[in-house]
Amino acid sequence: MKAVYISEPGGPEVLEVRDVDAPVPGQGEVLIDVVAAGLNRADVQQRRGFYPPPPGASEVPGLEVSGRIAGFGPGVSKPFSLGDKVVALLAGGGYAQQVAVPAEQVLRVPEGVDLVTAASLPEVAATVYSNLIMTAQLQPGETVLIHGATGGIGTMAIQLAKAFGAKVATTAGTDEKVSTAKAFLGADIAINYKEEDFPESLRRQNGGKGADVILDVVGAKYLAQNVDALADYGRLVVIGLQGGTKGELDLGLLLKKRAAVVATALRPRPVAEKGAIMTAVRDAVWPLVADGRIRPLVAKTFPLDQVGAAHRYFDSGDHVGKVLLVL
């Protein structure tokens, strides 16, 4: 089969399509003929040499795919049939024509979504639901601040938080993206972080109150501002480190607000945890997709042999929603 490998750490030019042996599904795994694979920030970090795969995971990048069931390893208990249309959450291996994945991490495609578009859903749905709902316990009527409005995580998080009855604030880097976040995605408050101090702007537009929950993909660069932006009893959930790994934390302010800082990662979690998250996504998120309250957003698709161009487009930050590789 054909699969993408990283020849050395670097830019999009280090991505190579190679002919390799197809995977053989192991105990409890299913084999998927991949139709499309989603690009994620973790793929870029892996390409740059900053985010190696977890032990035992494929060196091929790619954390989510859509496709059809092509085979079964021993001991698969989930009731799949050959040819079923599915999506899968992966620890790696998605940029390939086939992938073997634990059955717990596989779901049937939600109703009303075509098989290519479906590749935009599993990683972001699992990340957003597990962090906003399962970890931060976001409640109806609370204010949530979501950084990175128009990326894959941001577009899903805004829609899911609105569907769960939260007031949504978000940040973006251009006036055009601010407008998109409000007019197209439904954010109540959208802040251009390049022109405004986002904690101050949030309080000004939110009746003097900060955020009950903050979903942050930036990390160290935003740590002080995020704590400033928290409301009393607020919860800051850090899920990305685009702005660095080490920052200064004002424990006095955190104590004063009785607030919490949590950092989580989805990729290295054990199969049982990922399976529980995917089951929760199936039960809580798929119905919102089926009835149109959450729309999967695909910015652009690229064939597998144009993976370098796909990464260059992703790195540009011009996309609204997901970038996909189509096989």
C-alpha atoms as a PDB file:
ATOM      1  CA  MET A   1       0.000   0.000   0.000  1.00  0.00           C
ATOM      2  CA  LYS A   2       0.984   3.670  -0.183  1.00  0.00           C
ATOM      3  CA  ALA A   3       1.686   5.602   3.007  1.00  0.00           C
ATOM      4  CA  VAL A   4       3.295   8.880   4.006  1.00  0.00           C
ATOM      5  CA  TYR A   5       6.557   8.944   5.926  1.00  0.00           C
ATOM      6  CA  ILE A   6       8.606  11.792   7.389  1.00  0.00           C
ATOM      7  CA  SER A   7      12.134  11.566   5.947  1.00  0.00           C
ATOM      8  CA  GLU A   8      13.583  13.937   8.551  1.00  0.00           C
ATOM      9  CA  PRO A   9      12.246  16.720  10.779  1.00  0.00           C
ATOM     10  CA  GLY A  10      11.349  19.799   8.789  1.00  0.00           C
ATOM     11  CA  GLY A  11       8.841  21.504   6.554  1.00  0.00           C
ATOM     12  CA  PRO A  12       6.201  20.016   4.259  1.00  0.00           C
ATOM     13  CA  GLU A  13       8.907  18.953   1.785  1.00  0.00           C
ATOM     14  CA  VAL A  14      10.044  16.127   4.137  1.00  0.00           C
ATOM     15  CA  LEU A  15       6.767  14.225   3.635  1.00  0.00           C
ATOM     16  CA  GLU A  16       7.241  11.265   1.270  1.00  0.00           C
ATOM     17  CA  VAL A  17       4.737   8.800  -0.177  1.00  0.00           C
ATOM     18  CA  ARG A  18       6.237   5.298  -0.046  1.00  0.00           C
ATOM     19  CA  ASP A  19       5.145   1.774  -0.980  1.00  0.00           C
ATOM     20  CA  VAL A  20       5.056  -0.295   2.219  1.00  0.00           C
ATOM     21  CA  ASP A  21       3.514  -3.509   3.527  1.00  0.00           C
ATOM     22  CA  ALA A  22      -0.147  -3.238   4.451  1.00  0.00           C
ATOM     23  CA  PRO A  23      -0.961  -3.568   8.162  1.00  0.00           C
ATOM     24  CA  VAL A  24      -2.301  -6.816   9.600  1.00  0.00           C
ATOM     25  CA  PRO A  25      -5.002  -6.332  12.254  1.00  0.00           C
ATOM     26  CA  GLY A  26      -4.020  -7.691  15.645  1.00  0.00           C
ATOM     27  CA  GLN A  27      -6.047  -8.759  18.661  1.00  0.00           C
ATOM     28  CA  GLY A  28      -9.217  -6.693  18.882  1.00  0.00           C
ATOM     29  CA  GLU A  29      -8.382  -4.604  15.798  1.00  0.00           C
ATOM     30  CA  VAL A  30     -10.224  -3.917  12.571  1.00  0.00           C
ATOM     31  CA  LEU A  31      -8.665  -3.169   9.186  1.00  0.00           C
ATOM     32  CA  ILE A  32      -9.968  -0.076   7.381  1.00  0.00           C
ATOM     33  CA  ASP A  33      -9.651   0.829   3.715  1.00  0.00           C
ATOM     34  CA  VAL A  34      -9.026   4.543   4.118  1.00  0.00           C
ATOM     35  CA  VAL A  35     -11.101   6.973   2.051  1.00  0.00           C
ATOM     36  CA  ALA A  36      -9.938  10.213   3.681  1.00  0.00           C
ATOM     37  CA  ALA A  37      -7.653  11.335   6.511  1.00  0.00           C
ATOM     38  CA  GLY A  38      -7.759  14.549   8.525  1.00  0.00           C
ATOM     39  CA  LEU A  39      -4.794  16.845   9.112  1.00  0.00           C
ATOM     40  CA  ASN A  40      -4.188  17.959  12.684  1.00  0.00           C
ATOM     41  CA  ARG A  41      -1.727  20.199  14.506  1.00  0.00           C
ATOM     42  CA  ALA A  42      -0.173  17.085  16.032  1.00  0.00           C
ATOM     43  CA  ASP A  43       0.792  15.923  12.529  1.00  0.00           C
ATOM     44  CA  VAL A  44       2.649  19.184  11.969  1.00  0.00           C
ATOM     45  CA  GLN A  45       4.434  18.882  15.308  1.00  0.00           C
ATOM     46  CA  GLN A  46       5.401  15.294  14.451  1.00  0.00           C
ATOM     47  CA  ARG A  47       6.675  16.456  11.052  1.00  0.00           C
ATOM     48  CA  ARG A  48       8.819  19.074  12.772  1.00  0.00           C
ATOM     49  CA  GLY A  49      10.281  16.514  15.176  1.00  0.00           C
ATOM     50  CA  PHE A  50       8.531  17.786  18.305  1.00  0.00           C
ATOM     51  CA  TYR A  51       5.809  15.142  18.824  1.00  0.00           C
ATOM     52  CA  PRO A  52       6.915  11.545  18.242  1.00  0.00           C
ATOM     53  CA  PRO A  53       4.299   8.774  18.104  1.00  0.00           C
ATOM     54  CA  PRO A  54       3.501   6.983  21.374  1.00  0.00           C
ATOM     55  CA  PRO A  55       5.348   3.681  21.925  1.00  0.00           C
ATOM     56  CA  GLY A  56       4.013   1.007  19.585  1.00  0.00           C
ATOM     57  CA  ALA A  57       2.166   3.449  17.317  1.00  0.00           C
ATOM     58  CA  SER A  58       2.773   3.754  13.578  1.00  0.00           C
ATOM     59  CA  GLU A  59       5.415   6.221  12.375  1.00  0.00           C
ATOM     60  CA  VAL A  60       2.995   7.244   9.640  1.00  0.00           C
ATOM     61  CA  PRO A  61       1.268  10.500  10.656  1.00  0.00           C
ATOM     62  CA  GLY A  62      -2.487  10.861  10.829  1.00  0.00           C
ATOM     63  CA  LEU A  63      -4.828  10.706  13.830  1.00  0.00           C
ATOM     64  CA  GLU A  64      -8.219  10.265  12.153  1.00  0.00           C
ATOM     65  CA  VAL A  65      -9.669   8.597   9.082  1.00  0.00           C
ATOM     66  CA  SER A  66     -12.876   7.638   7.390  1.00  0.00           C
ATOM     67  CA  GLY A  67     -13.264   4.516   5.307  1.00  0.00           C
ATOM     68  CA  ARG A  68     -14.748   1.044   5.057  1.00  0.00           C
ATOM     69  CA  ILE A  69     -14.194  -2.043   7.184  1.00  0.00           C
ATOM     70  CA  ALA A  70     -11.889  -4.393   5.221  1.00  0.00           C
ATOM     71  CA  GLY A  71     -11.027  -7.085   7.747  1.00  0.00           C
ATOM     72  CA  PHE A  72     -10.903  -8.227  11.347  1.00  0.00           C
ATOM     73  CA  GLY A  73      -8.258  -9.366  13.773  1.00  0.00           C
ATOM     74  CA  PRO A  74      -9.032 -12.013  16.395  1.00  0.00           C
ATOM     75  CA  GLY A  75     -11.296 -11.110  19.297  1.00  0.00           C
ATOM     76  CA  VAL A  76     -13.221  -8.209  17.779  1.00  0.00           C
ATOM     77  CA  SER A  77     -16.428  -7.873  19.798  1.00  0.00           C
ATOM     78  CA  LYS A  78     -18.024  -4.793  18.203  1.00  0.00           C
ATOM     79  CA  PRO A  79     -20.702  -5.739  15.646  1.00  0.00           C
ATOM     80  CA  PHE A  80     -19.100  -4.488  12.428  1.00  0.00           C
ATOM     81  CA  SER A  81     -19.504  -6.035   8.983  1.00  0.00           C
ATOM     82  CA  LEU A  82     -17.211  -5.908   5.961  1.00  0.00           C
ATOM     83  CA  GLY A  83     -17.874  -2.729   3.991  1.00  0.00           C
ATOM     84  CA  ASP A  84     -19.355  -0.752   6.898  1.00  0.00           C
ATOM     85  CA  LYS A  85     -18.718   2.979   6.571  1.00  0.00           C
ATOM     86  CA  VAL A  86     -16.772   4.110   9.628  1.00  0.00           C
ATOM     87  CA  VAL A  87     -14.524   6.728  11.158  1.00  0.00           C
ATOM     88  CA  ALA A  88     -11.626   5.990  13.485  1.00  0.00           C
ATOM     89  CA  LEU A  89      -9.524   7.759  16.090  1.00  0.00           C
ATOM     90  CA  LEU A  90      -5.867   6.763  15.754  1.00  0.00           C
ATOM     91  CA  ALA A  91      -2.556   7.053  17.583  1.00  0.00           C
ATOM     92  CA  GLY A  92      -0.959   7.279  14.115  1.00  0.00           C
ATOM     93  CA  GLY A  93      -1.059   5.703  10.675  1.00  0.00           C
ATOM     94  CA  GLY A  94      -3.863   7.673   9.025  1.00  0.00           C
ATOM     95  CA  TYR A  95      -1.963   8.966   5.994  1.00  0.00           C
ATOM     96  CA  ALA A  96      -2.148   5.568   4.298  1.00  0.00           C
ATOM     97  CA  GLN A  97      -4.387   3.422   2.137  1.00  0.00           C
ATOM     98  CA  GLN A  98      -5.121   1.060   5.019  1.00  0.00           C
ATOM     99  CA  VAL A  99      -4.901   1.241   8.795  1.00  0.00           C
ATOM    100  CA  ALA A 100      -5.417  -1.254  11.617  1.00  0.00           C
ATOM    101  CA  VAL A 101      -7.058   0.213  14.706  1.00  0.00           C
ATOM    102  CA  PRO A 102      -8.614  -1.076  17.955  1.00  0.00           C
ATOM    103  CA  ALA A 103     -12.320  -1.616  17.377  1.00  0.00           C
ATOM    104  CA  GLU A 104     -13.139   0.497  20.455  1.00  0.00           C
ATOM    105  CA  GLN A 105     -11.854   3.552  18.596  1.00  0.00           C
ATOM    106  CA  VAL A 106     -14.086   3.024  15.542  1.00  0.00           C
ATOM    107  CA  LEU A 107     -17.601   4.408  15.014  1.00  0.00           C
ATOM    108  CA  ARG A 108     -20.058   4.201  12.172  1.00  0.00           C
ATOM    109  CA  VAL A 109     -20.333   7.413  10.160  1.00  0.00           C
ATOM    110  CA  PRO A 110     -23.024   9.713  11.583  1.00  0.00           C
ATOM    111  CA  GLU A 111     -26.285   9.922   9.661  1.00  0.00           C
ATOM    112  CA  GLY A 112     -26.319  12.393   6.778  1.00  0.00           C
ATOM    113  CA  VAL A 113     -22.536  12.804   6.452  1.00  0.00           C
ATOM    114  CA  ASP A 114     -20.708  11.660   3.318  1.00  0.00           C
ATOM    115  CA  LEU A 115     -17.706   9.394   3.746  1.00  0.00           C
ATOM    116  CA  VAL A 116     -15.042  11.952   2.794  1.00  0.00           C
ATOM    117  CA  THR A 117     -16.428  14.710   5.013  1.00  0.00           C
ATOM    118  CA  ALA A 118     -16.702  12.228   7.880  1.00  0.00           C
ATOM    119  CA  ALA A 119     -12.890  12.181   8.158  1.00  0.00           C
ATOM    120  CA  SER A 120     -13.109  15.695   9.592  1.00  0.00           C
ATOM    121  CA  LEU A 121     -14.958  14.502  12.691  1.00  0.00           C
ATOM    122  CA  PRO A 122     -13.374  11.832  14.916  1.00  0.00           C
ATOM    123  CA  GLU A 123     -10.296  13.571  16.326  1.00  0.00           C
ATOM    124  CA  VAL A 124     -11.847  16.979  16.850  1.00  0.00           C
ATOM    125  CA  ALA A 125     -15.119  15.575  18.208  1.00  0.00           C
ATOM    126  CA  ALA A 126     -13.260  13.347  20.671  1.00  0.00           C
ATOM    127  CA  THR A 127     -10.891  16.136  21.712  1.00  0.00           C
ATOM    128  CA  VAL A 128     -13.572  18.773  22.179  1.00  0.00           C
ATOM    129  CA  TYR A 129     -16.160  16.584  23.894  1.00  0.00           C
ATOM    130  CA  SER A 130     -13.673  14.937  26.242  1.00  0.00           C
ATOM    131  CA  ASN A 131     -12.226  18.284  27.313  1.00  0.00           C
ATOM    132  CA  LEU A 132     -15.213  20.635  27.381  1.00  0.00           C
ATOM    133  CA  ILE A 133     -17.808  18.210  28.711  1.00  0.00           C
ATOM    134  CA  MET A 134     -16.042  15.274  30.372  1.00  0.00           C
ATOM    135  CA  THR A 135     -13.105  17.183  31.904  1.00  0.00           C
ATOM    136  CA  ALA A 136     -14.237  20.800  32.321  1.00  0.00           C
ATOM    137  CA  GLN A 137     -17.881  19.872  33.011  1.00  0.00           C
ATOM    138  CA  LEU A 138     -19.167  22.815  30.959  1.00  0.00           C
ATOM    139  CA  GLN A 139     -22.737  23.661  31.999  1.00  0.00           C
ATOM    140  CA  PRO A 140     -25.587  25.391  30.146  1.00  0.00           C
ATOM    141  CA  GLY A 141     -25.425  29.141  30.699  1.00  0.00           C
ATOM    142  CA  GLU A 142     -21.700  29.188  31.464  1.00  0.00           C
ATOM    143  CA  THR A 143     -19.261  31.223  29.397  1.00  0.00           C
ATOM    144  CA  VAL A 144     -16.571  29.321  27.491  1.00  0.00           C
ATOM    145  CA  LEU A 145     -13.582  30.958  25.793  1.00  0.00           C
ATOM    146  CA  ILE A 146     -12.217  29.027  22.822  1.00  0.00           C
ATOM    147  CA  HIS A 147      -8.907  30.008  21.259  1.00  0.00           C
ATOM    148  CA  GLY A 148      -8.313  29.494  17.531  1.00  0.00           C
ATOM    149  CA  ALA A 149     -11.830  30.091  16.269  1.00  0.00           C
ATOM    150  CA  THR A 150     -11.531  28.870  12.697  1.00  0.00           C
ATOM    151  CA  GLY A 151      -9.296  25.792  12.996  1.00  0.00           C
ATOM    152  CA  GLY A 152     -10.597  22.251  13.244  1.00  0.00           C
ATOM    153  CA  ILE A 153     -10.776  22.296  17.040  1.00  0.00           C
ATOM    154  CA  GLY A 154     -12.228  25.799  17.180  1.00  0.00           C
ATOM    155  CA  THR A 155     -14.996  25.254  14.638  1.00  0.00           C
ATOM    156  CA  MET A 156     -16.109  22.080  16.426  1.00  0.00           C
ATOM    157  CA  ALA A 157     -15.798  23.570  19.928  1.00  0.00           C
ATOM    158  CA  ILE A 158     -17.860  26.666  19.113  1.00  0.00           C
ATOM    159  CA  GLN A 159     -20.678  24.603  17.640  1.00  0.00           C
ATOM    160  CA  LEU A 160     -20.676  21.955  20.360  1.00  0.00           C
ATOM    161  CA  ALA A 161     -20.603  24.501  23.196  1.00  0.00           C
ATOM    162  CA  LYS A 162     -23.516  26.377  21.627  1.00  0.00           C
ATOM    163  CA  ALA A 163     -25.445  23.138  21.220  1.00  0.00           C
ATOM    164  CA  PHE A 164     -24.899  22.434  24.931  1.00  0.00           C
ATOM    165  CA  GLY A 165     -26.332  25.838  25.882  1.00  0.00           C
ATOM    166  CA  ALA A 166     -23.131  27.732  26.730  1.00  0.00           C
ATOM    167  CA  LYS A 167     -22.296  31.342  25.923  1.00  0.00           C
ATOM    168  CA  VAL A 168     -19.351  31.180  23.534  1.00  0.00           C
ATOM    169  CA  ALA A 169     -16.455  33.610  23.260  1.00  0.00           C
ATOM    170  CA  THR A 170     -13.556  33.004  20.925  1.00  0.00           C
ATOM    171  CA  THR A 171     -10.329  34.533  19.630  1.00  0.00           C
ATOM    172  CA  ALA A 172      -8.981  34.848  16.102  1.00  0.00           C
ATOM    173  CA  GLY A 173      -6.141  36.684  14.387  1.00  0.00           C
ATOM    174  CA  THR A 174      -7.959  38.668  11.674  1.00  0.00           C
ATOM    175  CA  ASP A 175     -11.158  40.688  11.424  1.00  0.00           C
ATOM    176  CA  GLU A 176     -12.333  38.303   8.696  1.00  0.00           C
ATOM    177  CA  LYS A 177     -11.969  35.300  11.020  1.00  0.00           C
ATOM    178  CA  VAL A 178     -13.692  37.234  13.822  1.00  0.00           C
ATOM    179  CA  SER A 179     -16.637  37.836  11.491  1.00  0.00           C
ATOM    180  CA  THR A 180     -16.665  34.183  10.439  1.00  0.00           C
ATOM    181  CA  ALA A 181     -16.703  33.044  14.064  1.00  0.00           C
ATOM    182  CA  LYS A 182     -19.789  35.125  14.800  1.00  0.00           C
ATOM    183  CA  ALA A 183     -21.772  35.063  11.564  1.00  0.00           C
ATOM    184  CA  PHE A 184     -20.983  31.542  10.368  1.00  0.00           C
ATOM    185  CA  LEU A 185     -20.132  29.555  13.501  1.00  0.00           C
ATOM    186  CA  GLY A 186     -22.450  31.273  15.972  1.00  0.00           C
ATOM    187  CA  ALA A 187     -20.015  32.641  18.564  1.00  0.00           C
ATOM    188  CA  ASP A 188     -21.564  35.249  20.879  1.00  0.00           C
ATOM    189  CA  ILE A 189     -18.285  37.120  21.351  1.00  0.00           C
ATOM    190  CA  ALA A 190     -15.298  37.097  18.979  1.00  0.00           C
ATOM    191  CA  ILE A 191     -12.055  38.938  19.757  1.00  0.00           C
ATOM    192  CA  ASN A 192      -9.159  39.836  17.480  1.00  0.00           C
ATOM    193  CA  TYR A 193      -6.288  38.934  19.780  1.00  0.00           C
ATOM    194  CA  LYS A 194      -3.821  40.954  17.683  1.00  0.00           C
ATOM    195  CA  GLU A 195      -5.736  44.169  18.314  1.00  0.00           C
ATOM    196  CA  GLU A 196      -7.253  43.669  21.773  1.00  0.00           C
ATOM    197  CA  ASP A 197      -6.262  42.290  25.156  1.00  0.00           C
ATOM    198  CA  PHE A 198      -8.567  39.305  25.195  1.00  0.00           C
ATOM    199  CA  PRO A 199      -9.191  39.061  28.979  1.00  0.00           C
ATOM    200  CA  GLU A 200     -10.185  42.743  29.121  1.00  0.00           C
ATOM    201  CA  SER A 201     -12.270  42.510  25.947  1.00  0.00           C
ATOM    202  CA  LEU A 202     -14.034  39.398  27.216  1.00  0.00           C
ATOM    203  CA  ARG A 203     -15.030  41.055  30.481  1.00  0.00           C
ATOM    204  CA  ARG A 204     -16.170  44.196  28.680  1.00  0.00           C
ATOM    205  CA  GLN A 205     -18.444  42.196  26.375  1.00  0.00           C
ATOM    206  CA  ASN A 206     -19.595  39.743  29.045  1.00  0.00           C
ATOM    207  CA  GLY A 207     -20.967  42.019  31.744  1.00  0.00           C
ATOM    208  CA  GLY A 208     -17.698  42.231  33.637  1.00  0.00           C
ATOM    209  CA  LYS A 209     -17.399  38.458  33.988  1.00  0.00           C
ATOM    210  CA  GLY A 210     -14.588  36.221  32.773  1.00  0.00           C
ATOM    211  CA  ALA A 211     -14.817  32.694  31.355  1.00  0.00           C
ATOM    212  CA  ASP A 212     -16.046  29.727  33.352  1.00  0.00           C
ATOM    213  CA  VAL A 213     -14.133  27.433  30.992  1.00  0.00           C
ATOM    214  CA  ILE A 214     -11.220  28.156  28.639  1.00  0.00           C
ATOM    215  CA  LEU A 215     -10.138  25.689  25.949  1.00  0.00           C
ATOM    216  CA  ASP A 216      -6.562  26.595  25.018  1.00  0.00           C
ATOM    217  CA  VAL A 217      -4.380  25.320  22.172  1.00  0.00           C
ATOM    218  CA  VAL A 218      -1.602  27.873  22.710  1.00  0.00           C
ATOM    219  CA  GLY A 219       0.001  26.931  26.023  1.00  0.00           C
ATOM    220  CA  ALA A 220       2.721  28.932  27.761  1.00  0.00           C
ATOM    221  CA  LYS A 221       2.323  32.146  25.750  1.00  0.00           C
ATOM    222  CA  TYR A 222      -1.283  32.524  26.925  1.00  0.00           C
ATOM    223  CA  LEU A 223      -0.955  31.148  30.462  1.00  0.00           C
ATOM    224  CA  ALA A 224      -0.963  34.452  32.358  1.00  0.00           C
ATOM    225  CA  GLN A 225      -3.703  35.969  30.185  1.00  0.00           C
ATOM    226  CA  ASN A 226      -5.825  32.838  30.463  1.00  0.00           C
ATOM    227  CA  VAL A 227      -5.679  32.864  34.260  1.00  0.00           C
ATOM    228  CA  ASP A 228      -6.544  36.580  34.145  1.00  0.00           C
ATOM    229  CA  ALA A 229      -9.516  35.776  31.900  1.00  0.00           C
ATOM    230  CA  LEU A 230     -10.939  33.078  34.190  1.00  0.00           C
ATOM    231  CA  ALA A 231     -14.034  33.737  36.266  1.00  0.00           C
ATOM    232  CA  ASP A 232     -14.264  32.590  39.867  1.00  0.00           C
ATOM    233  CA  TYR A 233     -14.237  28.770  39.968  1.00  0.00           C
ATOM    234  CA  GLY A 234     -13.098  28.815  36.328  1.00  0.00           C
ATOM    235  CA  ARG A 235     -11.414  25.862  34.618  1.00  0.00           C
ATOM    236  CA  LEU A 236      -8.556  26.327  32.160  1.00  0.00           C
ATOM    237  CA  VAL A 237      -7.977  23.253  29.983  1.00  0.00           C
ATOM    238  CA  VAL A 238      -4.738  23.298  28.001  1.00  0.00           C
ATOM    239  CA  ILE A 239      -4.730  20.929  25.018  1.00  0.00           C
ATOM    240  CA  GLY A 240      -1.985  22.402  22.827  1.00  0.00           C
ATOM    241  CA  LEU A 241       1.450  23.976  23.095  1.00  0.00           C
ATOM    242  CA  GLN A 242       1.739  26.116  19.978  1.00  0.00           C
ATOM    243  CA  GLY A 243       3.006  28.981  22.154  1.00  0.00           C
ATOM    244  CA  GLY A 244       5.562  27.042  24.182  1.00  0.00           C
ATOM    245  CA  THR A 245       5.749  24.654  27.131  1.00  0.00           C
ATOM    246  CA  LYS A 246       6.996  26.759  30.056  1.00  0.00           C
ATOM    247  CA  GLY A 247       5.257  29.782  31.517  1.00  0.00           C
ATOM    248  CA  GLU A 248       4.842  31.621  34.812  1.00  0.00           C
ATOM    249  CA  LEU A 249       1.715  30.776  36.784  1.00  0.00           C
ATOM    250  CA  ASP A 250       0.308  33.285  39.296  1.00  0.00           C
ATOM    251  CA  LEU A 251      -0.788  30.911  42.037  1.00  0.00           C
ATOM    252  CA  GLY A 252      -2.086  33.795  44.127  1.00  0.00           C
ATOM    253  CA  LEU A 253      -4.560  34.801  41.436  1.00  0.00           C
ATOM    254  CA  LEU A 254      -5.506  31.159  40.905  1.00  0.00           C
ATOM    255  CA  LEU A 255      -6.187  30.777  44.645  1.00  0.00           C
ATOM    256  CA  LYS A 256      -8.164  34.004  44.765  1.00  0.00           C
ATOM    257  CA  LYS A 257     -10.403  32.760  41.957  1.00  0.00           C
ATOM    258  CA  ARG A 258     -10.605  29.188  43.339  1.00  0.00           C
ATOM    259  CA  ALA A 259      -9.771  28.202  39.774  1.00  0.00           C
ATOM    260  CA  ALA A 260      -8.153  25.143  38.188  1.00  0.00           C
ATOM    261  CA  VAL A 261      -5.625  24.506  35.422  1.00  0.00           C
ATOM    262  CA  VAL A 262      -5.734  21.116  33.673  1.00  0.00           C
ATOM    263  CA  ALA A 263      -3.589  19.854  30.795  1.00  0.00           C
ATOM    264  CA  THR A 264      -4.667  16.878  28.707  1.00  0.00           C
ATOM    265  CA  ALA A 265      -3.581  14.964  25.598  1.00  0.00           C
ATOM    266  CA  LEU A 266      -5.719  12.513  23.656  1.00  0.00           C
ATOM    267  CA  ARG A 267      -3.139  10.679  21.539  1.00  0.00           C
ATOM    268  CA  PRO A 268      -1.220   8.827  24.305  1.00  0.00           C
ATOM    269  CA  ARG A 269      -4.292   7.694  26.258  1.00  0.00           C
ATOM    270  CA  PRO A 270      -4.859   3.955  26.599  1.00  0.00           C
ATOM    271  CA  VAL A 271      -7.301   2.197  24.282  1.00  0.00           C
ATOM    272  CA  ALA A 272      -9.925   1.790  27.018  1.00  0.00           C
ATOM    273  CA  GLU A 273     -10.018   5.547  27.648  1.00  0.00           C
ATOM    274  CA  LYS A 274     -10.217   6.340  23.946  1.00  0.00           C
ATOM    275  CA  GLY A 275     -12.977   3.782  23.587  1.00  0.00           C
ATOM    276  CA  ALA A 276     -14.977   5.397  26.390  1.00  0.00           C
ATOM    277  CA  ILE A 277     -14.543   8.809  24.776  1.00  0.00           C
ATOM    278  CA  MET A 278     -15.640   7.523  21.364  1.00  0.00           C
ATOM    279  CA  THR A 279     -18.712   5.896  22.889  1.00  0.00           C
ATOM    280  CA  ALA A 280     -19.587   9.218  24.520  1.00  0.00           C
ATOM    281  CA  VAL A 281     -19.074  10.989  21.188  1.00  0.00           C
ATOM    282  CA  ARG A 282     -21.388   8.514  19.467  1.00  0.00           C
ATOM    283  CA  ASP A 283     -24.100   9.042  22.084  1.00  0.00           C
ATOM    284  CA  ALA A 284     -23.800  12.810  22.610  1.00  0.00           C
ATOM    285  CA  VAL A 285     -22.246  14.348  19.486  1.00  0.00           C
ATOM    286  CA  TRP A 286     -23.414  12.196  16.561  1.00  0.00           C
ATOM    287  CA  PRO A 287     -27.107  13.141  17.137  1.00  0.00           C
ATOM    288  CA  LEU A 288     -26.119  16.837  16.988  1.00  0.00           C
ATOM    289  CA  VAL A 289     -24.370  16.202  13.672  1.00  0.00           C
ATOM    290  CA  ALA A 290     -27.327  14.230  12.329  1.00  0.00           C
ATOM    291  CA  ASP A 291     -29.839  16.997  13.128  1.00  0.00           C
ATOM    292  CA  GLY A 292     -27.607  19.786  11.789  1.00  0.00           C
ATOM    293  CA  ARG A 293     -26.747  21.578  15.015  1.00  0.00           C
ATOM    294  CA  ILE A 294     -23.103  20.679  14.379  1.00  0.00           C
ATOM    295  CA  ARG A 295     -21.866  20.958  10.789  1.00  0.00           C
ATOM    296  CA  PRO A 296     -18.616  19.251   9.836  1.00  0.00           C
ATOM    297  CA  LEU A 297     -16.558  21.892   8.039  1.00  0.00           C
ATOM    298  CA  VAL A 298     -14.031  20.966   5.357  1.00  0.00           C
ATOM    299  CA  ALA A 299     -11.852  23.791   4.064  1.00  0.00           C
ATOM    300  CA  LYS A 300     -10.049  21.878   1.307  1.00  0.00           C
ATOM    301  CA  THR A 301      -9.139  18.366   0.175  1.00  0.00           C
ATOM    302  CA  PHE A 302      -5.881  17.109  -1.373  1.00  0.00           C
ATOM    303  CA  PRO A 303      -4.938  13.741  -2.908  1.00  0.00           C
ATOM    304  CA  LEU A 304      -2.425  11.697  -0.930  1.00  0.00           C
ATOM    305  CA  ASP A 305       0.408  12.414  -3.371  1.00  0.00           C
ATOM    306  CA  GLN A 306      -0.051  16.140  -2.656  1.00  0.00           C
ATOM    307  CA  VAL A 307       0.471  15.749   1.088  1.00  0.00           C
ATOM    308  CA  GLY A 308       3.210  18.408   1.025  1.00  0.00           C
ATOM    309  CA  ALA A 309       0.833  20.936  -0.521  1.00  0.00           C
ATOM    310  CA  ALA A 310      -1.805  19.998   2.057  1.00  0.00           C
ATOM    311  CA  HIS A 311       0.626  20.726   4.892  1.00  0.00           C
ATOM    312  CA  ARG A 312       1.708  24.019   3.321  1.00  0.00           C
ATOM    313  CA  TYR A 313      -1.933  25.082   3.149  1.00  0.00           C
ATOM    314  CA  PHE A 314      -2.505  23.929   6.725  1.00  0.00           C
ATOM    315  CA  ASP A 315       0.585  25.815   7.934  1.00  0.00           C
ATOM    316  CA  SER A 316      -0.667  29.017   6.267  1.00  0.00           C
ATOM    317  CA  GLY A 317      -3.586  29.201   8.698  1.00  0.00           C
ATOM    318  CA  ASP A 318      -5.932  30.289   5.918  1.00  0.00           C
ATOM    319  CA  HIS A 319      -8.378  27.423   6.382  1.00  0.00           C
ATOM    320  CA  VAL A 320     -11.757  27.504   8.103  1.00  0.00           C
ATOM    321  CA  GLY A 321     -12.416  23.979   9.315  1.00  0.00           C
ATOM    322  CA  LYS A 322     -10.534  20.823   8.398  1.00  0.00           C
ATOM    323  CA  VAL A 323      -7.995  19.997   5.728  1.00  0.00           C
ATOM    324  CA  LEU A 324      -8.291  16.430   4.381  1.00  0.00           C
ATOM    325  CA  LEU A 325      -6.240  13.981   2.362  1.00  0.00           C
ATOM    326  CA  VAL A 326      -8.387  11.925  -0.015  1.00  0.00           C
ATOM    327  CA  LEU A 327      -7.235   8.519  -1.164  1.00  0.00           C
END
